[in-house]
Amino acid sequence: MNAIRPSWFPATLGDAATDAVVDGLAADWAIAEPDPRDALHTLAHHGVLAAVADAPTFGDRIARSAALHERLGLAGLGAVGAAALTHLEVGVALLNRFQANPVARQIRMQAVAGLAVPALAVTETAGGTDLSAMTTKVSVGDDDLVVDGHKSVVSGGPIADYFLVLSADPDAGNAFGSHTLVAVPADAPGVTVNRLDSASLSGMLAEVSFDQVRLRHGHLLGPRGGGLLPLTRHWSHERVMVSVRLVALSAFVLAKTVGYAATRRTFGASLLSRQAVQFSLAGHVADILTAKTYVDKVLREMSTGSLPPAAAAACKLLAARTAEAVSDSCVQWHGATAYVDGHPVGRVWQDAAGLAIAGGTTELMLDLVDRGVK
């Protein structure tokens, strides 16, 4: 299955020693996956988070991020892979846009050192991606601000130390808009975090309530009313990195299935010897290579800073459809054993469905692609 191993540009985190560290950790974690927070601390301890987040150029940052998420995906890691992606490509990547703010700068420094975990809090039960229906609000007074509301699904919420909360700010009174980002410490009075049970990435989702949380003005990220613009730009980045993970997980689950099909015997012959299975596998190899090729192209465009939102949406759409189709077939070939909790193929099947929603649903991606071609 080496033919479907994605080859990003280049597939390195900066040097051979860091690559070897990540590959060694991924191999160990594939046997016994650690707590996601402990994994982030370990990656920071070995300098991996800094190698990615503090890469010398933006292009290096993109390439190293892709290399890290590829390696973790090819090892089939679930919650740990999701935590690394959320930590670097959501939390740290968003904080990079607010480094003139001392609070944001401090959170980012702690995050790269593995001492704090930031999580983006946007989604609400009633409105979903309809931000005009957002009920979480921020009220800004002369001396402080107050955040009040509820976020229904927050990736990385159970392990977060800070929430980057998108809040309605109807009194912003400027031309930027009516949504403001606020950095809210998880231990601030009035913050309540409830871990959610989920079909995929169990332990990585939470609902978070903010009950009259009072903070200093320094916790405002960017200008009041200007919270949506950096998020719009950020979401393209997140969607492409989710695509990297989806393609790598597809390659992992197919390689696992080929090994299983070679040893499983039915009616006197191996499953892999049957032409129907061979053709189906070959079709999925082609699907993965197609998705890989487009993800590779989009990564290159993103590294130059010239990636249209429609291209990022199409990238995630293609990668998600590939991962869902490949993992569904692989579950069928494994039979009932793939449905047992903890089975790597069944877990990827569940995670593929979850990642198809992360960063925007399939319907939202189709809408963005449609806008891009009009």
Protein backbone atom coordinates (compact mmCIF):
# COMPACT_ATOMS: atom_id res chain seq x y z
CA MET A 1 0.00 0.00 0.00
CA ASN A 2 2.97 2.35 -0.30
CA ALA A 3 1.42 3.74 -3.49
CA ILE A 4 -1.28 5.50 -1.47
CA ARG A 5 1.02 7.03 1.13
CA PRO A 6 0.48 10.80 0.73
CA SER A 7 3.66 12.69 -0.12
CA TRP A 8 3.26 16.28 0.97
CA PHE A 9 5.77 18.93 -0.04
CA PRO A 10 7.97 17.87 1.67
CA ALA A 11 6.68 15.20 4.08
CA THR A 12 8.86 16.44 6.91
CA LEU A 13 8.47 18.44 10.09
CA GLY A 14 11.71 20.30 9.44
CA ASP A 15 14.38 17.70 10.11
CA ALA A 16 14.86 13.95 10.20
CA ALA A 17 15.14 13.86 14.00
CA THR A 18 11.70 15.45 14.52
CA ASP A 19 10.21 13.15 11.88
CA ALA A 20 11.63 10.14 13.71
CA VAL A 21 10.23 11.36 17.05
CA VAL A 22 6.73 11.76 15.63
CA ASP A 23 6.84 8.39 13.86
CA GLY A 24 8.03 6.71 17.07
CA LEU A 25 5.33 8.33 19.18
CA ALA A 26 2.65 7.52 16.60
CA ALA A 27 3.71 3.85 16.55
CA ASP A 28 3.57 3.66 20.36
CA TRP A 29 0.24 5.48 20.54
CA ALA A 30 -1.26 3.19 17.90
CA ILE A 31 -0.78 0.36 20.41
CA ALA A 32 -2.04 2.28 23.45
CA GLU A 33 -3.50 5.70 22.71
CA PRO A 34 -2.86 8.15 25.58
CA ASP A 35 -5.07 10.88 26.99
CA PRO A 36 -5.18 13.67 24.35
CA ARG A 37 -3.90 16.31 26.76
CA ASP A 38 -0.98 14.10 27.76
CA ALA A 39 -0.21 13.55 24.07
CA LEU A 40 -0.12 17.30 23.42
CA HIS A 41 2.24 17.75 26.36
CA THR A 42 4.49 15.00 24.99
CA LEU A 43 4.53 16.58 21.52
CA ALA A 44 5.47 19.90 23.11
CA HIS A 45 8.16 18.28 25.27
CA HIS A 46 9.84 16.87 22.16
CA GLY A 47 9.64 20.22 20.38
CA VAL A 48 7.10 19.04 17.79
CA LEU A 49 4.49 21.73 18.47
CA ALA A 50 7.13 24.45 18.26
CA ALA A 51 8.59 22.96 15.07
CA VAL A 52 5.18 23.37 13.44
CA ALA A 53 3.83 26.55 15.04
CA ASP A 54 7.12 28.48 14.90
CA ALA A 55 8.26 27.37 11.45
CA PRO A 56 10.46 30.02 9.77
CA THR A 57 8.03 30.79 6.92
CA PHE A 58 4.29 30.50 6.33
CA GLY A 59 4.93 27.91 3.62
CA ASP A 60 7.01 25.84 6.05
CA ARG A 61 4.22 26.11 8.61
CA ILE A 62 1.71 24.68 6.14
CA ALA A 63 4.02 21.87 5.01
CA ARG A 64 4.97 20.87 8.56
CA SER A 65 1.35 20.91 9.71
CA ALA A 66 0.42 18.61 6.82
CA ALA A 67 3.33 16.29 7.62
CA LEU A 68 2.30 16.01 11.28
CA HIS A 69 -1.39 15.30 10.58
CA GLU A 70 -0.45 12.86 7.84
CA ARG A 71 1.76 10.86 10.19
CA LEU A 72 -0.83 10.75 12.96
CA GLY A 73 -3.55 9.82 10.46
CA LEU A 74 -1.52 7.05 8.86
CA ALA A 75 -1.11 5.57 12.35
CA GLY A 76 -4.90 5.53 12.67
CA LEU A 77 -4.91 7.69 15.80
CA GLY A 78 -8.34 8.88 16.88
CA ALA A 79 -8.66 11.36 19.75
CA VAL A 80 -4.93 12.15 19.75
CA GLY A 81 -4.93 13.00 16.05
CA ALA A 82 -8.05 15.11 16.50
CA ALA A 83 -6.52 16.90 19.50
CA ALA A 84 -3.35 17.77 17.60
CA LEU A 85 -5.35 19.13 14.67
CA THR A 86 -7.71 21.16 16.86
CA HIS A 87 -4.86 22.47 18.99
CA LEU A 88 -2.61 23.64 16.14
CA GLU A 89 -4.97 24.32 13.24
CA VAL A 90 -7.83 25.86 15.21
CA GLY A 91 -6.52 27.26 18.50
CA VAL A 92 -2.95 28.28 17.68
CA ALA A 93 -3.71 29.19 14.05
CA LEU A 94 -6.50 31.53 15.13
CA LEU A 95 -4.43 33.08 17.91
CA ASN A 96 -1.72 33.85 15.34
CA ARG A 97 -4.06 36.53 13.99
CA PHE A 98 -4.18 38.42 17.30
CA GLN A 99 -0.56 38.60 18.41
CA ALA A 100 -0.82 42.35 19.06
CA ASN A 101 -3.07 41.39 21.99
CA PRO A 102 -1.08 40.46 25.15
CA VAL A 103 -3.71 37.94 26.30
CA ALA A 104 -3.73 36.16 22.93
CA ARG A 105 0.06 36.21 22.82
CA GLN A 106 0.27 34.62 26.29
CA ILE A 107 -2.28 31.90 25.44
CA ARG A 108 -0.42 31.06 22.23
CA MET A 109 2.92 30.83 24.04
CA GLN A 110 1.42 28.46 26.61
CA ALA A 111 -0.26 26.40 23.88
CA VAL A 112 2.95 25.89 21.91
CA ALA A 113 4.69 24.88 25.16
CA GLY A 114 1.96 22.33 25.86
CA LEU A 115 0.88 24.17 28.99
CA ALA A 116 -2.56 25.29 27.82
CA VAL A 117 -5.19 24.16 25.34
CA PRO A 118 -7.34 26.71 23.46
CA ALA A 119 -10.66 25.71 21.87
CA LEU A 120 -12.92 27.61 19.48
CA ALA A 121 -16.54 27.95 20.67
CA VAL A 122 -18.98 28.92 17.91
CA THR A 123 -21.75 26.33 17.36
CA GLU A 124 -25.10 26.70 19.11
CA THR A 125 -28.04 24.30 19.18
CA ALA A 126 -30.67 26.49 17.56
CA GLY A 127 -28.66 28.36 14.95
CA GLY A 128 -25.88 25.96 13.99
CA THR A 129 -23.91 27.78 11.30
CA ASP A 130 -26.53 30.56 11.07
CA LEU A 131 -24.62 33.24 12.95
CA SER A 132 -27.52 35.66 12.71
CA ALA A 133 -29.35 33.41 15.19
CA MET A 134 -26.50 33.44 17.74
CA THR A 135 -27.70 33.89 21.31
CA THR A 136 -24.36 34.05 23.13
CA LYS A 137 -23.71 37.74 23.74
CA VAL A 138 -20.95 39.98 25.00
CA SER A 139 -21.74 43.24 26.77
CA VAL A 140 -18.88 45.72 27.07
CA GLY A 141 -18.89 48.30 29.84
CA ASP A 142 -16.47 51.01 30.84
CA ASP A 143 -14.39 48.77 33.10
CA ASP A 144 -15.07 45.19 31.99
CA LEU A 145 -17.11 42.91 29.74
CA VAL A 146 -19.64 40.16 30.36
CA VAL A 147 -20.14 36.99 28.27
CA ASP A 148 -23.44 35.17 28.61
CA GLY A 149 -24.72 32.20 26.60
CA HIS A 150 -24.27 28.57 25.63
CA LYS A 151 -22.20 26.71 23.01
CA SER A 152 -23.57 23.28 22.17
CA VAL A 153 -20.61 21.43 20.56
CA VAL A 154 -17.03 22.54 21.20
CA SER A 155 -14.20 20.41 19.78
CA GLY A 156 -11.49 20.00 22.40
CA GLY A 157 -13.82 21.45 25.02
CA PRO A 158 -13.22 18.83 27.76
CA ILE A 159 -9.45 19.52 27.81
CA ALA A 160 -9.54 23.26 27.08
CA ASP A 161 -8.00 25.90 29.31
CA TYR A 162 -9.31 28.78 27.19
CA PHE A 163 -12.35 29.19 24.97
CA LEU A 164 -12.20 31.54 21.99
CA VAL A 165 -15.87 32.48 22.06
CA LEU A 166 -17.66 34.04 19.11
CA SER A 167 -20.35 36.25 20.62
CA ALA A 168 -23.06 38.51 19.29
CA ASP A 169 -22.16 42.13 19.99
CA PRO A 170 -25.13 44.23 18.83
CA ASP A 171 -23.71 47.38 20.43
CA ALA A 172 -20.36 47.18 18.59
CA GLY A 173 -21.38 50.22 16.55
CA ASN A 174 -18.82 50.00 13.74
CA ALA A 175 -18.49 48.88 10.16
CA PHE A 176 -16.85 45.51 10.93
CA GLY A 177 -20.00 43.63 11.88
CA SER A 178 -21.85 42.48 14.97
CA HIS A 179 -19.81 39.50 16.22
CA THR A 180 -16.86 39.71 18.59
CA LEU A 181 -14.30 37.11 19.67
CA VAL A 182 -13.53 36.85 23.37
CA ALA A 183 -10.83 34.76 25.09
CA VAL A 184 -12.53 33.17 28.11
CA PRO A 185 -10.50 31.17 30.68
CA ALA A 186 -12.12 27.80 31.36
CA ASP A 187 -11.71 28.34 35.10
CA ALA A 188 -13.39 31.76 35.11
CA PRO A 189 -16.42 32.02 37.45
CA GLY A 190 -19.57 31.26 35.49
CA VAL A 191 -18.02 28.82 33.00
CA THR A 192 -19.46 25.28 33.02
CA VAL A 193 -18.10 22.49 30.81
CA ASN A 194 -20.00 19.23 30.23
CA ARG A 195 -18.31 16.44 28.31
CA LEU A 196 -20.47 14.98 25.54
CA ASP A 197 -20.72 11.32 24.58
CA SER A 198 -20.28 10.97 20.83
CA ALA A 199 -20.12 8.26 18.20
CA SER A 200 -16.68 9.47 17.12
CA LEU A 201 -13.76 11.14 18.89
CA SER A 202 -15.23 10.21 22.25
CA GLY A 203 -14.05 12.51 25.00
CA MET A 204 -13.14 15.40 22.69
CA LEU A 205 -16.50 17.21 22.54
CA ALA A 206 -18.22 19.35 25.15
CA GLU A 207 -21.05 21.78 25.64
CA VAL A 208 -20.03 24.98 27.42
CA SER A 209 -22.17 27.49 29.30
CA PHE A 210 -21.17 31.06 30.10
CA ASP A 211 -23.24 32.52 32.94
CA GLN A 212 -22.47 36.22 33.29
CA VAL A 213 -18.73 35.64 32.91
CA ARG A 214 -16.97 38.90 33.75
CA LEU A 215 -13.55 39.70 32.23
CA ARG A 216 -11.24 42.62 31.57
CA HIS A 217 -11.26 44.41 28.20
CA GLY A 218 -7.94 42.77 27.30
CA HIS A 219 -9.80 39.52 26.61
CA LEU A 220 -11.40 41.01 23.50
CA LEU A 221 -9.65 39.54 20.45
CA GLY A 222 -9.47 42.13 17.69
CA PRO A 223 -11.86 45.05 17.26
CA ARG A 224 -15.43 44.81 18.52
CA GLY A 225 -17.67 43.52 15.78
CA GLY A 226 -14.68 42.17 13.88
CA GLY A 227 -14.85 38.55 14.98
CA LEU A 228 -16.26 37.08 11.80
CA LEU A 229 -13.62 38.22 9.29
CA PRO A 230 -10.65 36.37 10.87
CA LEU A 231 -12.84 33.29 11.33
CA THR A 232 -13.86 33.30 7.67
CA ARG A 233 -10.20 33.30 6.67
CA HIS A 234 -9.31 30.78 9.37
CA TRP A 235 -11.96 28.23 8.36
CA SER A 236 -10.33 27.67 4.96
CA HIS A 237 -7.09 26.73 6.74
CA GLU A 238 -8.90 24.36 9.10
CA ARG A 239 -10.81 22.69 6.26
CA VAL A 240 -7.66 21.92 4.31
CA MET A 241 -5.92 20.42 7.35
CA VAL A 242 -9.01 18.32 8.09
CA SER A 243 -8.70 17.10 4.48
CA VAL A 244 -5.09 16.04 5.11
CA ARG A 245 -6.24 13.96 8.07
CA LEU A 246 -9.16 12.44 6.16
CA VAL A 247 -6.95 11.27 3.28
CA ALA A 248 -4.37 9.81 5.67
CA LEU A 249 -7.06 7.97 7.64
CA SER A 250 -8.41 6.59 4.36
CA ALA A 251 -4.98 5.22 3.50
CA PHE A 252 -4.62 3.74 7.00
CA VAL A 253 -7.96 1.95 7.00
CA LEU A 254 -7.47 0.57 3.48
CA ALA A 255 -4.01 -0.76 4.35
CA LYS A 256 -5.48 -2.43 7.45
CA THR A 257 -8.20 -4.01 5.36
CA VAL A 258 -5.83 -5.32 2.70
CA GLY A 259 -3.81 -7.07 5.41
CA TYR A 260 -6.97 -8.54 6.91
CA ALA A 261 -8.38 -9.64 3.54
CA ALA A 262 -5.12 -11.44 2.73
CA THR A 263 -5.44 -13.66 5.81
CA ARG A 264 -9.20 -14.13 6.13
CA ARG A 265 -10.33 -17.28 4.34
CA THR A 266 -13.85 -17.90 3.10
CA PHE A 267 -14.92 -21.01 1.18
CA GLY A 268 -11.35 -22.25 0.91
CA ALA A 269 -9.70 -19.08 -0.41
CA SER A 270 -8.52 -15.76 0.95
CA LEU A 271 -10.88 -12.83 0.70
CA LEU A 272 -8.21 -10.90 -1.18
CA SER A 273 -8.05 -13.54 -3.91
CA ARG A 274 -11.59 -12.77 -5.05
CA GLN A 275 -11.80 -10.52 -8.09
CA ALA A 276 -14.74 -8.49 -6.76
CA VAL A 277 -12.72 -7.55 -3.69
CA GLN A 278 -9.63 -6.78 -5.76
CA PHE A 279 -11.57 -4.47 -8.06
CA SER A 280 -13.22 -2.71 -5.15
CA LEU A 281 -9.89 -2.20 -3.41
CA ALA A 282 -8.32 -0.91 -6.62
CA GLY A 283 -11.16 1.57 -6.99
CA HIS A 284 -10.56 2.90 -3.49
CA VAL A 285 -6.83 3.23 -4.17
CA ALA A 286 -7.72 5.39 -7.15
CA ASP A 287 -10.13 7.43 -5.03
CA ILE A 288 -7.48 8.05 -2.38
CA LEU A 289 -4.87 9.03 -4.97
CA THR A 290 -7.35 11.45 -6.56
CA ALA A 291 -8.15 13.06 -3.22
CA LYS A 292 -4.47 13.17 -2.31
CA THR A 293 -3.59 14.91 -5.55
CA TYR A 294 -6.16 17.65 -5.03
CA VAL A 295 -5.29 18.11 -1.35
CA ASP A 296 -1.63 18.42 -2.39
CA LYS A 297 -2.54 21.11 -4.94
CA VAL A 298 -4.62 23.05 -2.41
CA LEU A 299 -1.84 22.88 0.18
CA ARG A 300 0.51 24.48 -2.32
CA GLU A 301 -1.97 27.23 -3.09
CA MET A 302 -2.55 27.84 0.61
CA SER A 303 1.18 28.14 1.27
CA THR A 304 1.27 31.14 -1.08
CA GLY A 305 -1.67 32.82 0.66
CA SER A 306 -3.86 32.68 -2.44
CA LEU A 307 -6.44 30.00 -1.65
CA PRO A 308 -10.08 30.80 -2.56
CA PRO A 309 -12.67 29.64 0.04
CA ALA A 310 -14.39 27.52 -2.64
CA ALA A 311 -11.18 25.55 -3.25
CA ALA A 312 -10.82 24.78 0.47
CA ALA A 313 -14.47 23.71 0.61
CA ALA A 314 -14.10 21.47 -2.46
CA CYS A 315 -10.98 19.94 -0.93
CA LYS A 316 -12.77 19.01 2.28
CA LEU A 317 -15.81 17.79 0.39
CA LEU A 318 -13.73 15.43 -1.77
CA ALA A 319 -11.62 14.17 1.14
CA ALA A 320 -14.68 13.57 3.33
CA ARG A 321 -16.54 11.67 0.63
CA THR A 322 -13.46 9.55 -0.01
CA ALA A 323 -12.96 8.72 3.66
CA GLU A 324 -16.63 7.88 4.16
CA ALA A 325 -16.75 5.59 1.11
CA VAL A 326 -13.44 3.83 1.86
CA SER A 327 -14.15 3.30 5.55
CA ASP A 328 -17.69 2.06 4.84
CA SER A 329 -16.38 -0.61 2.44
CA CYS A 330 -13.64 -1.59 4.88
CA VAL A 331 -16.16 -2.08 7.68
CA GLN A 332 -18.17 -4.38 5.41
CA TRP A 333 -15.11 -6.49 4.58
CA HIS A 334 -14.23 -6.87 8.25
CA GLY A 335 -17.77 -7.87 9.10
CA ALA A 336 -19.20 -7.72 12.63
CA THR A 337 -15.77 -7.45 14.28
CA ALA A 338 -15.43 -3.86 12.96
CA TYR A 339 -18.43 -2.82 15.04
CA VAL A 340 -16.80 -3.74 18.33
CA ASP A 341 -15.78 -0.69 20.37
CA GLY A 342 -12.13 0.15 19.87
CA HIS A 343 -11.71 -1.63 16.54
CA PRO A 344 -9.44 0.63 14.44
CA VAL A 345 -11.45 0.24 11.23
CA GLY A 346 -14.77 0.91 12.96
CA ARG A 347 -13.27 3.91 14.74
CA VAL A 348 -12.09 5.46 11.46
CA TRP A 349 -15.54 4.82 9.98
CA GLN A 350 -17.06 6.82 12.85
CA ASP A 351 -14.39 9.51 12.76
CA ALA A 352 -14.83 10.00 9.02
CA ALA A 353 -18.47 10.90 9.62
CA GLY A 354 -17.49 13.31 12.39
CA LEU A 355 -14.73 14.97 10.36
CA ALA A 356 -17.17 15.46 7.47
CA ILE A 357 -19.01 17.84 9.82
CA ALA A 358 -15.94 19.48 11.38
CA GLY A 359 -15.29 22.90 9.89
CA GLY A 360 -18.67 22.88 8.15
CA THR A 361 -21.19 20.30 6.95
CA THR A 362 -21.28 18.80 3.46
CA GLU A 363 -24.16 21.11 2.54
CA LEU A 364 -22.18 24.18 3.62
CA MET A 365 -19.19 23.01 1.54
CA LEU A 366 -21.46 22.57 -1.49
CA ASP A 367 -22.86 26.06 -0.95
CA LEU A 368 -19.34 27.55 -0.84
CA VAL A 369 -18.33 25.68 -3.99
CA ASP A 370 -21.49 26.90 -5.73
CA ARG A 371 -20.71 30.50 -4.81
CA GLY A 372 -17.19 30.08 -6.10
CA VAL A 373 -18.26 29.02 -9.58
CA LYS A 374 -20.93 31.70 -10.06
